[in-house]
């Protein structure tokens, strides 16, 4: 890929070594891929599984921030 720009390479690649952490979350029956943010937040990246109407729902739109509080279930 060729990239023509006047922006210095140092600015383009300054965050290249930062590794983002992704996980999957099911919310109201919709499976989402989210990027974990500092604190108890997550940003929606994309819908992995859901109904057709879920793709038009602004609550599940990419870029939306949600509260991410993981819980552990003890099944005995």
C-alpha atoms as a PDB file:
ATOM      1  CA  UNK A   1       0.000   0.000   0.000  1.00  0.00           C
ATOM      2  CA  UNK A   2       1.275   3.439  -0.894  1.00  0.00           C
ATOM      3  CA  UNK A   3       0.477   6.336   1.404  1.00  0.00           C
ATOM      4  CA  UNK A   4       1.138   9.891   0.207  1.00  0.00           C
ATOM      5  CA  UNK A   5       0.992  12.537   2.920  1.00  0.00           C
ATOM      6  CA  UNK A   6       2.717  15.643   4.254  1.00  0.00           C
ATOM      7  CA  UNK A   7       2.336  14.369   7.830  1.00  0.00           C
ATOM      8  CA  UNK A   8       5.666  13.196   9.316  1.00  0.00           C
ATOM      9  CA  UNK A   9       6.025   9.428   9.870  1.00  0.00           C
ATOM     10  CA  UNK A  10       6.663  10.045  13.567  1.00  0.00           C
ATOM     11  CA  UNK A  11       3.107  11.370  13.999  1.00  0.00           C
ATOM     12  CA  UNK A  12       1.540   8.566  11.974  1.00  0.00           C
ATOM     13  CA  UNK A  13       3.285   5.772  13.885  1.00  0.00           C
ATOM     14  CA  UNK A  14       3.485   7.357  17.362  1.00  0.00           C
ATOM     15  CA  UNK A  15       0.861   4.988  18.867  1.00  0.00           C
ATOM     16  CA  UNK A  16       1.744   1.899  16.847  1.00  0.00           C
ATOM     17  CA  UNK A  17       3.161   0.072  19.883  1.00  0.00           C
ATOM     18  CA  UNK A  18      -0.008   0.527  21.984  1.00  0.00           C
ATOM     19  CA  UNK A  19      -1.914  -2.749  22.094  1.00  0.00           C
ATOM     20  CA  UNK A  20      -5.682  -2.482  22.372  1.00  0.00           C
ATOM     21  CA  UNK A  21      -7.609  -5.076  24.373  1.00  0.00           C
ATOM     22  CA  UNK A  22     -10.819  -6.427  22.854  1.00  0.00           C
ATOM     23  CA  UNK A  23     -13.435  -8.735  24.332  1.00  0.00           C
ATOM     24  CA  UNK A  24     -16.914  -9.976  23.539  1.00  0.00           C
ATOM     25  CA  UNK A  25     -19.938  -8.903  25.581  1.00  0.00           C
ATOM     26  CA  UNK A  26     -23.552  -9.996  25.288  1.00  0.00           C
ATOM     27  CA  UNK A  27     -25.961  -7.168  26.033  1.00  0.00           C
ATOM     28  CA  UNK A  28     -29.736  -7.698  25.776  1.00  0.00           C
ATOM     29  CA  UNK A  29     -29.216 -10.711  23.496  1.00  0.00           C
ATOM     30  CA  UNK A  30     -26.816  -8.849  21.165  1.00  0.00           C
ATOM     31  CA  UNK A  31     -23.211 -10.084  21.004  1.00  0.00           C
ATOM     32  CA  UNK A  32     -20.806  -7.134  20.736  1.00  0.00           C
ATOM     33  CA  UNK A  33     -17.070  -6.784  20.293  1.00  0.00           C
ATOM     34  CA  UNK A  34     -15.836  -4.036  22.610  1.00  0.00           C
ATOM     35  CA  UNK A  35     -12.508  -2.327  23.280  1.00  0.00           C
ATOM     36  CA  UNK A  36     -11.705  -2.057  26.971  1.00  0.00           C
ATOM     37  CA  UNK A  37     -10.948   1.436  28.216  1.00  0.00           C
ATOM     38  CA  UNK A  38      -9.422   2.570  31.523  1.00  0.00           C
ATOM     39  CA  UNK A  39     -11.795   2.356  34.456  1.00  0.00           C
ATOM     40  CA  UNK A  40     -15.050   0.513  34.031  1.00  0.00           C
ATOM     41  CA  UNK A  41     -15.731   1.601  30.461  1.00  0.00           C
ATOM     42  CA  UNK A  42     -15.757  -0.079  27.067  1.00  0.00           C
ATOM     43  CA  UNK A  43     -16.260   1.215  23.522  1.00  0.00           C
ATOM     44  CA  UNK A  44     -18.372  -0.764  21.057  1.00  0.00           C
ATOM     45  CA  UNK A  45     -16.372  -1.834  18.003  1.00  0.00           C
ATOM     46  CA  UNK A  46     -18.956  -3.906  16.118  1.00  0.00           C
ATOM     47  CA  UNK A  47     -21.973  -6.195  16.395  1.00  0.00           C
ATOM     48  CA  UNK A  48     -21.023  -9.851  16.117  1.00  0.00           C
ATOM     49  CA  UNK A  49     -24.515 -11.355  16.410  1.00  0.00           C
ATOM     50  CA  UNK A  50     -27.924  -9.765  16.570  1.00  0.00           C
ATOM     51  CA  UNK A  51     -31.200  -9.236  14.814  1.00  0.00           C
ATOM     52  CA  UNK A  52     -31.588  -6.983  11.796  1.00  0.00           C
ATOM     53  CA  UNK A  53     -33.195  -4.251  13.906  1.00  0.00           C
ATOM     54  CA  UNK A  54     -30.161  -4.229  16.237  1.00  0.00           C
ATOM     55  CA  UNK A  55     -27.924  -2.899  13.461  1.00  0.00           C
ATOM     56  CA  UNK A  56     -30.118   0.219  13.268  1.00  0.00           C
ATOM     57  CA  UNK A  57     -30.306   0.710  17.039  1.00  0.00           C
ATOM     58  CA  UNK A  58     -28.087   3.687  18.005  1.00  0.00           C
ATOM     59  CA  UNK A  59     -27.398   2.064  21.404  1.00  0.00           C
ATOM     60  CA  UNK A  60     -25.252  -0.567  19.649  1.00  0.00           C
ATOM     61  CA  UNK A  61     -23.531   1.788  17.193  1.00  0.00           C
ATOM     62  CA  UNK A  62     -19.731   1.578  16.914  1.00  0.00           C
ATOM     63  CA  UNK A  63     -18.071   4.234  19.053  1.00  0.00           C
ATOM     64  CA  UNK A  64     -20.728   4.184  21.783  1.00  0.00           C
ATOM     65  CA  UNK A  65     -19.298   3.908  25.286  1.00  0.00           C
ATOM     66  CA  UNK A  66     -20.848   1.470  27.743  1.00  0.00           C
ATOM     67  CA  UNK A  67     -20.218   0.641  31.369  1.00  0.00           C
ATOM     68  CA  UNK A  68     -18.249  -2.604  31.606  1.00  0.00           C
ATOM     69  CA  UNK A  69     -18.503  -4.379  34.950  1.00  0.00           C
ATOM     70  CA  UNK A  70     -17.590  -8.053  34.481  1.00  0.00           C
ATOM     71  CA  UNK A  71     -19.136 -10.538  36.910  1.00  0.00           C
ATOM     72  CA  UNK A  72     -18.172 -14.067  37.832  1.00  0.00           C
ATOM     73  CA  UNK A  73     -20.831 -16.728  38.147  1.00  0.00           C
ATOM     74  CA  UNK A  74     -20.409 -19.567  40.609  1.00  0.00           C
ATOM     75  CA  UNK A  75     -22.240 -22.558  39.121  1.00  0.00           C
ATOM     76  CA  UNK A  76     -22.487 -25.547  41.425  1.00  0.00           C
END
